[in-house]
């Protein structure tokens, strides 16, 4: 996929740090990644240079290369930082005597992470560069998304067992649980802004839906009894 490079790069907000100021390695890496996100967002990945990132965070080009060897390395670090999903774990959730607080503990972090402006920015960059760096998309799938879905599946099964329900298809396809939050993320990605009220309505409805689903009791009827009724015969048959 060809990425158009703007003839005149958009100005990047300045916020340089004094090059003489010494910071811990952890703080310096965070500052570099913040600068890279600002530069890539303003100029696009293809239109950005390592020099731009170094200038933005107040480092020499050599000092930047000591920490990141290329723009690709910087971009991978941004993906790792912003597209992480905290693994849901029922054991780490607050003890709940009702289902809704437990489900809220599973659902709310999805919306907090997936609708963060920086997450949206990195996702937009990943969509643009994904064909050029398919290994990065694959790594994110294996290291982040797959383990998250497995942890979500286990949490749903534990919640259903605790409250007498049956997770059913949600345990088989935990991606379905992510779908409403992903929908709001896509809406924000396309529109360029977050509709806070609409996001909150979706989050609340998402919780209601899961609560209803997880309290469905396992069926005790036979296969014949649970079969759907036949279509009514035509009056003209």
C-alpha atoms as a PDB file:
ATOM      1  CA  UNK A   1       0.000   0.000   0.000  1.00  0.00           C
ATOM      2  CA  UNK A   2       1.391   3.381  -0.992  1.00  0.00           C
ATOM      3  CA  UNK A   3       1.265   6.114   1.607  1.00  0.00           C
ATOM      4  CA  UNK A   4       1.129   9.692   0.355  1.00  0.00           C
ATOM      5  CA  UNK A   5       3.778  11.931   1.860  1.00  0.00           C
ATOM      6  CA  UNK A   6       2.631  15.532   2.334  1.00  0.00           C
ATOM      7  CA  UNK A   7       4.726  18.020   0.416  1.00  0.00           C
ATOM      8  CA  UNK A   8       4.810  20.404   3.338  1.00  0.00           C
ATOM      9  CA  UNK A   9       4.827  18.583   6.707  1.00  0.00           C
ATOM     10  CA  UNK A  10       2.366  19.850   9.219  1.00  0.00           C
ATOM     11  CA  UNK A  11       3.947  21.656  12.156  1.00  0.00           C
ATOM     12  CA  UNK A  12       4.425  19.582  15.254  1.00  0.00           C
ATOM     13  CA  UNK A  13       3.595  21.141  18.623  1.00  0.00           C
ATOM     14  CA  UNK A  14       6.763  21.984  20.461  1.00  0.00           C
ATOM     15  CA  UNK A  15       7.364  20.725  23.922  1.00  0.00           C
ATOM     16  CA  UNK A  16      11.061  20.066  23.963  1.00  0.00           C
ATOM     17  CA  UNK A  17      12.864  19.052  27.059  1.00  0.00           C
ATOM     18  CA  UNK A  18      16.211  20.479  28.000  1.00  0.00           C
ATOM     19  CA  UNK A  19      18.898  18.162  26.533  1.00  0.00           C
ATOM     20  CA  UNK A  20      20.932  18.590  29.704  1.00  0.00           C
ATOM     21  CA  UNK A  21      18.205  17.351  31.947  1.00  0.00           C
ATOM     22  CA  UNK A  22      18.920  13.833  33.087  1.00  0.00           C
ATOM     23  CA  UNK A  23      16.027  11.457  33.404  1.00  0.00           C
ATOM     24  CA  UNK A  24      15.718   7.831  34.395  1.00  0.00           C
ATOM     25  CA  UNK A  25      15.689   5.335  31.530  1.00  0.00           C
ATOM     26  CA  UNK A  26      11.994   4.597  32.092  1.00  0.00           C
ATOM     27  CA  UNK A  27      11.030   8.267  32.047  1.00  0.00           C
ATOM     28  CA  UNK A  28      13.177   8.961  28.994  1.00  0.00           C
ATOM     29  CA  UNK A  29      11.613   6.067  27.046  1.00  0.00           C
ATOM     30  CA  UNK A  30       8.152   7.372  27.921  1.00  0.00           C
ATOM     31  CA  UNK A  31       9.126  10.843  26.712  1.00  0.00           C
ATOM     32  CA  UNK A  32      10.503   9.443  23.455  1.00  0.00           C
ATOM     33  CA  UNK A  33       7.333   7.487  22.802  1.00  0.00           C
ATOM     34  CA  UNK A  34       5.176  10.514  23.620  1.00  0.00           C
ATOM     35  CA  UNK A  35       7.223  12.532  21.130  1.00  0.00           C
ATOM     36  CA  UNK A  36       6.988   9.806  18.482  1.00  0.00           C
ATOM     37  CA  UNK A  37       3.223   9.628  18.862  1.00  0.00           C
ATOM     38  CA  UNK A  38       2.956  13.401  18.478  1.00  0.00           C
ATOM     39  CA  UNK A  39       5.177  13.441  15.378  1.00  0.00           C
ATOM     40  CA  UNK A  40       3.609  10.400  13.691  1.00  0.00           C
ATOM     41  CA  UNK A  41       0.131  11.745  14.370  1.00  0.00           C
ATOM     42  CA  UNK A  42       0.910  15.167  12.912  1.00  0.00           C
ATOM     43  CA  UNK A  43       2.979  14.111   9.887  1.00  0.00           C
ATOM     44  CA  UNK A  44       2.045  10.508   9.276  1.00  0.00           C
ATOM     45  CA  UNK A  45       4.458   7.631   9.734  1.00  0.00           C
ATOM     46  CA  UNK A  46       5.948   7.870   6.235  1.00  0.00           C
ATOM     47  CA  UNK A  47       6.364  11.643   6.463  1.00  0.00           C
ATOM     48  CA  UNK A  48       8.203  11.537   9.794  1.00  0.00           C
ATOM     49  CA  UNK A  49      11.934  11.237  10.440  1.00  0.00           C
ATOM     50  CA  UNK A  50      13.925  10.111  13.427  1.00  0.00           C
ATOM     51  CA  UNK A  51      15.367  13.643  13.468  1.00  0.00           C
ATOM     52  CA  UNK A  52      11.849  14.983  14.043  1.00  0.00           C
ATOM     53  CA  UNK A  53      11.320  12.694  17.020  1.00  0.00           C
ATOM     54  CA  UNK A  54      14.729  13.554  18.484  1.00  0.00           C
ATOM     55  CA  UNK A  55      14.017  17.269  18.176  1.00  0.00           C
ATOM     56  CA  UNK A  56      10.580  16.886  19.714  1.00  0.00           C
ATOM     57  CA  UNK A  57      11.914  15.216  22.857  1.00  0.00           C
ATOM     58  CA  UNK A  58      15.114  17.282  23.131  1.00  0.00           C
ATOM     59  CA  UNK A  59      17.598  14.510  22.314  1.00  0.00           C
ATOM     60  CA  UNK A  60      20.403  14.315  19.829  1.00  0.00           C
ATOM     61  CA  UNK A  61      19.846  11.944  16.934  1.00  0.00           C
ATOM     62  CA  UNK A  62      22.626   9.712  18.286  1.00  0.00           C
ATOM     63  CA  UNK A  63      21.034   9.518  21.721  1.00  0.00           C
ATOM     64  CA  UNK A  64      17.710   8.533  20.153  1.00  0.00           C
ATOM     65  CA  UNK A  65      19.354   5.804  18.069  1.00  0.00           C
ATOM     66  CA  UNK A  66      20.943   4.410  21.236  1.00  0.00           C
ATOM     67  CA  UNK A  67      17.418   3.542  22.403  1.00  0.00           C
ATOM     68  CA  UNK A  68      15.560   2.873  19.154  1.00  0.00           C
ATOM     69  CA  UNK A  69      17.334   1.773  15.991  1.00  0.00           C
ATOM     70  CA  UNK A  70      14.601   2.812  13.576  1.00  0.00           C
ATOM     71  CA  UNK A  71      11.150   4.301  13.121  1.00  0.00           C
ATOM     72  CA  UNK A  72       9.809   0.760  12.921  1.00  0.00           C
ATOM     73  CA  UNK A  73      11.142   0.005  16.409  1.00  0.00           C
ATOM     74  CA  UNK A  74       9.529   3.173  17.708  1.00  0.00           C
ATOM     75  CA  UNK A  75       6.230   2.241  16.111  1.00  0.00           C
ATOM     76  CA  UNK A  76       6.325  -1.284  17.549  1.00  0.00           C
ATOM     77  CA  UNK A  77       6.927   0.171  21.007  1.00  0.00           C
ATOM     78  CA  UNK A  78       3.924   2.476  20.558  1.00  0.00           C
ATOM     79  CA  UNK A  79       1.706  -0.444  19.565  1.00  0.00           C
ATOM     80  CA  UNK A  80       2.865  -2.423  22.598  1.00  0.00           C
ATOM     81  CA  UNK A  81       2.150   0.514  24.895  1.00  0.00           C
ATOM     82  CA  UNK A  82      -1.239   1.621  23.583  1.00  0.00           C
ATOM     83  CA  UNK A  83      -2.884  -1.541  22.252  1.00  0.00           C
ATOM     84  CA  UNK A  84      -2.461  -3.613  25.385  1.00  0.00           C
ATOM     85  CA  UNK A  85      -5.589  -4.999  27.023  1.00  0.00           C
ATOM     86  CA  UNK A  86      -5.585  -5.751  30.734  1.00  0.00           C
ATOM     87  CA  UNK A  87      -6.470  -9.392  31.158  1.00  0.00           C
ATOM     88  CA  UNK A  88      -9.807  -9.788  32.948  1.00  0.00           C
ATOM     89  CA  UNK A  89      -9.537 -12.034  35.971  1.00  0.00           C
ATOM     90  CA  UNK A  90     -12.516 -12.786  38.157  1.00  0.00           C
ATOM     91  CA  UNK A  91     -10.186 -13.361  41.102  1.00  0.00           C
ATOM     92  CA  UNK A  92      -8.943  -9.766  40.813  1.00  0.00           C
ATOM     93  CA  UNK A  93     -12.403  -8.229  40.541  1.00  0.00           C
ATOM     94  CA  UNK A  94     -14.111  -6.863  43.645  1.00  0.00           C
ATOM     95  CA  UNK A  95     -16.145  -9.469  45.477  1.00  0.00           C
ATOM     96  CA  UNK A  96     -19.713  -8.998  44.361  1.00  0.00           C
ATOM     97  CA  UNK A  97     -22.934 -10.359  45.773  1.00  0.00           C
ATOM     98  CA  UNK A  98     -24.688  -9.205  42.596  1.00  0.00           C
ATOM     99  CA  UNK A  99     -23.762  -9.933  39.000  1.00  0.00           C
ATOM    100  CA  UNK A 100     -23.774  -6.378  37.647  1.00  0.00           C
ATOM    101  CA  UNK A 101     -20.726  -5.063  39.584  1.00  0.00           C
ATOM    102  CA  UNK A 102     -18.741  -8.078  38.449  1.00  0.00           C
ATOM    103  CA  UNK A 103     -19.736  -7.628  34.796  1.00  0.00           C
ATOM    104  CA  UNK A 104     -19.032  -3.899  35.041  1.00  0.00           C
ATOM    105  CA  UNK A 105     -15.516  -4.770  36.197  1.00  0.00           C
ATOM    106  CA  UNK A 106     -15.076  -6.774  32.998  1.00  0.00           C
ATOM    107  CA  UNK A 107     -16.674  -4.331  30.578  1.00  0.00           C
ATOM    108  CA  UNK A 108     -15.602  -0.857  31.750  1.00  0.00           C
ATOM    109  CA  UNK A 109     -11.842  -1.387  31.164  1.00  0.00           C
ATOM    110  CA  UNK A 110     -12.617  -2.305  27.535  1.00  0.00           C
ATOM    111  CA  UNK A 111     -14.160   1.101  26.918  1.00  0.00           C
ATOM    112  CA  UNK A 112     -11.478   2.935  28.889  1.00  0.00           C
ATOM    113  CA  UNK A 113      -8.717   1.414  26.778  1.00  0.00           C
ATOM    114  CA  UNK A 114     -10.351   1.148  23.354  1.00  0.00           C
ATOM    115  CA  UNK A 115     -11.701   4.711  23.288  1.00  0.00           C
ATOM    116  CA  UNK A 116      -8.617   6.496  24.623  1.00  0.00           C
ATOM    117  CA  UNK A 117      -7.525   9.160  22.090  1.00  0.00           C
ATOM    118  CA  UNK A 118      -3.945   7.834  22.012  1.00  0.00           C
ATOM    119  CA  UNK A 119      -5.214   4.300  21.390  1.00  0.00           C
ATOM    120  CA  UNK A 120      -7.290   5.585  18.475  1.00  0.00           C
ATOM    121  CA  UNK A 121      -4.260   7.416  17.057  1.00  0.00           C
ATOM    122  CA  UNK A 122      -2.033   4.332  17.241  1.00  0.00           C
ATOM    123  CA  UNK A 123      -4.771   2.165  15.753  1.00  0.00           C
ATOM    124  CA  UNK A 124      -5.152   4.585  12.846  1.00  0.00           C
ATOM    125  CA  UNK A 125      -1.394   4.381  12.226  1.00  0.00           C
ATOM    126  CA  UNK A 126      -1.476   0.577  12.486  1.00  0.00           C
ATOM    127  CA  UNK A 127      -4.252   0.373   9.884  1.00  0.00           C
ATOM    128  CA  UNK A 128      -2.194   2.544   7.538  1.00  0.00           C
ATOM    129  CA  UNK A 129       1.035   0.597   8.052  1.00  0.00           C
ATOM    130  CA  UNK A 130      -0.356  -2.896   8.692  1.00  0.00           C
ATOM    131  CA  UNK A 131       0.263  -4.211   5.173  1.00  0.00           C
ATOM    132  CA  UNK A 132       3.872  -3.062   5.322  1.00  0.00           C
ATOM    133  CA  UNK A 133       4.422  -4.634   8.755  1.00  0.00           C
ATOM    134  CA  UNK A 134       2.183  -7.731   8.874  1.00  0.00           C
ATOM    135  CA  UNK A 135       4.473  -9.285  11.500  1.00  0.00           C
ATOM    136  CA  UNK A 136       3.442  -6.547  13.903  1.00  0.00           C
ATOM    137  CA  UNK A 137      -0.260  -7.275  13.424  1.00  0.00           C
ATOM    138  CA  UNK A 138       0.394 -11.007  13.854  1.00  0.00           C
ATOM    139  CA  UNK A 139       2.422 -10.419  17.012  1.00  0.00           C
ATOM    140  CA  UNK A 140      -0.345  -8.249  18.476  1.00  0.00           C
ATOM    141  CA  UNK A 141      -2.874 -10.989  17.702  1.00  0.00           C
ATOM    142  CA  UNK A 142      -0.765 -13.702  19.372  1.00  0.00           C
ATOM    143  CA  UNK A 143       0.639 -11.769  22.331  1.00  0.00           C
ATOM    144  CA  UNK A 144      -2.290  -9.491  23.198  1.00  0.00           C
ATOM    145  CA  UNK A 145      -5.637 -10.342  21.624  1.00  0.00           C
ATOM    146  CA  UNK A 146      -5.628 -14.146  21.903  1.00  0.00           C
ATOM    147  CA  UNK A 147      -4.566 -14.250  25.598  1.00  0.00           C
ATOM    148  CA  UNK A 148      -7.089 -11.509  26.395  1.00  0.00           C
ATOM    149  CA  UNK A 149      -9.927 -13.462  24.798  1.00  0.00           C
ATOM    150  CA  UNK A 150      -8.951 -16.620  26.662  1.00  0.00           C
ATOM    151  CA  UNK A 151      -8.874 -14.751  29.996  1.00  0.00           C
ATOM    152  CA  UNK A 152     -12.239 -13.174  29.166  1.00  0.00           C
ATOM    153  CA  UNK A 153     -13.689 -16.598  28.393  1.00  0.00           C
ATOM    154  CA  UNK A 154     -12.567 -17.984  31.759  1.00  0.00           C
ATOM    155  CA  UNK A 155     -13.962 -14.972  33.610  1.00  0.00           C
ATOM    156  CA  UNK A 156     -17.338 -15.341  31.895  1.00  0.00           C
ATOM    157  CA  UNK A 157     -17.484 -19.019  32.790  1.00  0.00           C
ATOM    158  CA  UNK A 158     -16.659 -18.256  36.435  1.00  0.00           C
ATOM    159  CA  UNK A 159     -19.293 -15.520  36.578  1.00  0.00           C
ATOM    160  CA  UNK A 160     -21.939 -17.763  35.042  1.00  0.00           C
ATOM    161  CA  UNK A 161     -21.091 -20.572  37.465  1.00  0.00           C
ATOM    162  CA  UNK A 162     -21.279 -18.205  40.443  1.00  0.00           C
ATOM    163  CA  UNK A 163     -24.704 -16.869  39.490  1.00  0.00           C
ATOM    164  CA  UNK A 164     -26.239 -20.042  38.102  1.00  0.00           C
ATOM    165  CA  UNK A 165     -26.206 -19.099  34.432  1.00  0.00           C
ATOM    166  CA  UNK A 166     -24.693 -20.583  31.312  1.00  0.00           C
ATOM    167  CA  UNK A 167     -22.263 -18.585  29.130  1.00  0.00           C
ATOM    168  CA  UNK A 168     -23.025 -20.701  26.065  1.00  0.00           C
ATOM    169  CA  UNK A 169     -21.885 -19.077  22.834  1.00  0.00           C
ATOM    170  CA  UNK A 170     -20.068 -16.307  24.725  1.00  0.00           C
ATOM    171  CA  UNK A 171     -17.611 -18.874  26.078  1.00  0.00           C
ATOM    172  CA  UNK A 172     -17.142 -20.331  22.605  1.00  0.00           C
ATOM    173  CA  UNK A 173     -16.698 -16.932  20.943  1.00  0.00           C
ATOM    174  CA  UNK A 174     -15.529 -14.349  23.521  1.00  0.00           C
ATOM    175  CA  UNK A 175     -14.962 -11.930  20.641  1.00  0.00           C
ATOM    176  CA  UNK A 176     -18.701 -11.343  20.762  1.00  0.00           C
ATOM    177  CA  UNK A 177     -18.257  -9.796  24.205  1.00  0.00           C
ATOM    178  CA  UNK A 178     -15.789  -7.276  22.772  1.00  0.00           C
ATOM    179  CA  UNK A 179     -18.017  -6.341  19.827  1.00  0.00           C
ATOM    180  CA  UNK A 180     -19.984  -3.404  21.350  1.00  0.00           C
ATOM    181  CA  UNK A 181     -16.789  -1.738  22.635  1.00  0.00           C
ATOM    182  CA  UNK A 182     -15.079  -2.287  19.277  1.00  0.00           C
ATOM    183  CA  UNK A 183     -18.082  -0.696  17.548  1.00  0.00           C
ATOM    184  CA  UNK A 184     -17.659   2.477  19.611  1.00  0.00           C
ATOM    185  CA  UNK A 185     -13.923   2.440  18.897  1.00  0.00           C
ATOM    186  CA  UNK A 186     -14.596   2.252  15.138  1.00  0.00           C
ATOM    187  CA  UNK A 187     -17.127   5.065  15.349  1.00  0.00           C
ATOM    188  CA  UNK A 188     -14.541   7.235  17.072  1.00  0.00           C
ATOM    189  CA  UNK A 189     -11.861   6.169  14.599  1.00  0.00           C
ATOM    190  CA  UNK A 190     -14.001   7.246  11.651  1.00  0.00           C
ATOM    191  CA  UNK A 191     -15.468  10.437  13.113  1.00  0.00           C
ATOM    192  CA  UNK A 192     -12.273  11.616  14.772  1.00  0.00           C
ATOM    193  CA  UNK A 193     -14.021  12.457  18.032  1.00  0.00           C
ATOM    194  CA  UNK A 194     -15.606  10.637  20.943  1.00  0.00           C
ATOM    195  CA  UNK A 195     -19.300  10.975  21.674  1.00  0.00           C
ATOM    196  CA  UNK A 196     -19.031  10.557  25.444  1.00  0.00           C
ATOM    197  CA  UNK A 197     -22.779  10.307  26.060  1.00  0.00           C
ATOM    198  CA  UNK A 198     -23.267   7.701  23.336  1.00  0.00           C
ATOM    199  CA  UNK A 199     -20.277   5.705  24.563  1.00  0.00           C
ATOM    200  CA  UNK A 200     -21.709   5.666  28.074  1.00  0.00           C
ATOM    201  CA  UNK A 201     -25.110   4.513  26.777  1.00  0.00           C
ATOM    202  CA  UNK A 202     -23.439   1.679  24.895  1.00  0.00           C
ATOM    203  CA  UNK A 203     -21.327   0.699  27.907  1.00  0.00           C
ATOM    204  CA  UNK A 204     -24.414   0.532  30.146  1.00  0.00           C
ATOM    205  CA  UNK A 205     -26.404  -1.440  27.558  1.00  0.00           C
ATOM    206  CA  UNK A 206     -23.405  -3.748  27.086  1.00  0.00           C
ATOM    207  CA  UNK A 207     -23.416  -4.520  30.816  1.00  0.00           C
ATOM    208  CA  UNK A 208     -27.204  -5.089  30.799  1.00  0.00           C
ATOM    209  CA  UNK A 209     -26.883  -7.486  27.868  1.00  0.00           C
ATOM    210  CA  UNK A 210     -24.165  -9.579  29.522  1.00  0.00           C
ATOM    211  CA  UNK A 211     -26.034  -9.687  32.828  1.00  0.00           C
ATOM    212  CA  UNK A 212     -29.134 -10.967  31.060  1.00  0.00           C
ATOM    213  CA  UNK A 213     -27.148 -13.527  29.104  1.00  0.00           C
ATOM    214  CA  UNK A 214     -25.190 -14.837  32.083  1.00  0.00           C
ATOM    215  CA  UNK A 215     -28.337 -15.426  34.146  1.00  0.00           C
ATOM    216  CA  UNK A 216     -30.024 -17.642  31.545  1.00  0.00           C
ATOM    217  CA  UNK A 217     -30.480 -20.972  33.285  1.00  0.00           C
ATOM    218  CA  UNK A 218     -29.246 -24.137  31.586  1.00  0.00           C
ATOM    219  CA  UNK A 219     -32.119 -25.866  29.802  1.00  0.00           C
ATOM    220  CA  UNK A 220     -33.389 -29.084  31.364  1.00  0.00           C
ATOM    221  CA  UNK A 221     -35.745 -29.957  28.533  1.00  0.00           C
ATOM    222  CA  UNK A 222     -35.095 -32.719  26.080  1.00  0.00           C
ATOM    223  CA  UNK A 223     -33.881 -32.011  22.570  1.00  0.00           C
ATOM    224  CA  UNK A 224     -37.346 -32.732  21.200  1.00  0.00           C
ATOM    225  CA  UNK A 225     -39.041 -30.388  23.681  1.00  0.00           C
ATOM    226  CA  UNK A 226     -36.587 -27.589  22.996  1.00  0.00           C
ATOM    227  CA  UNK A 227     -36.873 -27.775  19.218  1.00  0.00           C
ATOM    228  CA  UNK A 228     -38.437 -24.632  17.715  1.00  0.00           C
ATOM    229  CA  UNK A 229     -42.082 -24.961  16.688  1.00  0.00           C
ATOM    230  CA  UNK A 230     -42.691 -25.683  13.008  1.00  0.00           C
ATOM    231  CA  UNK A 231     -43.800 -22.943  10.681  1.00  0.00           C
ATOM    232  CA  UNK A 232     -47.598 -22.715  10.489  1.00  0.00           C
ATOM    233  CA  UNK A 233     -49.019 -24.507   7.465  1.00  0.00           C
ATOM    234  CA  UNK A 234     -50.361 -22.415   4.636  1.00  0.00           C
ATOM    235  CA  UNK A 235     -54.136 -21.958   4.589  1.00  0.00           C
ATOM    236  CA  UNK A 236     -54.090 -22.878   0.913  1.00  0.00           C
ATOM    237  CA  UNK A 237     -52.096 -26.093   1.328  1.00  0.00           C
END
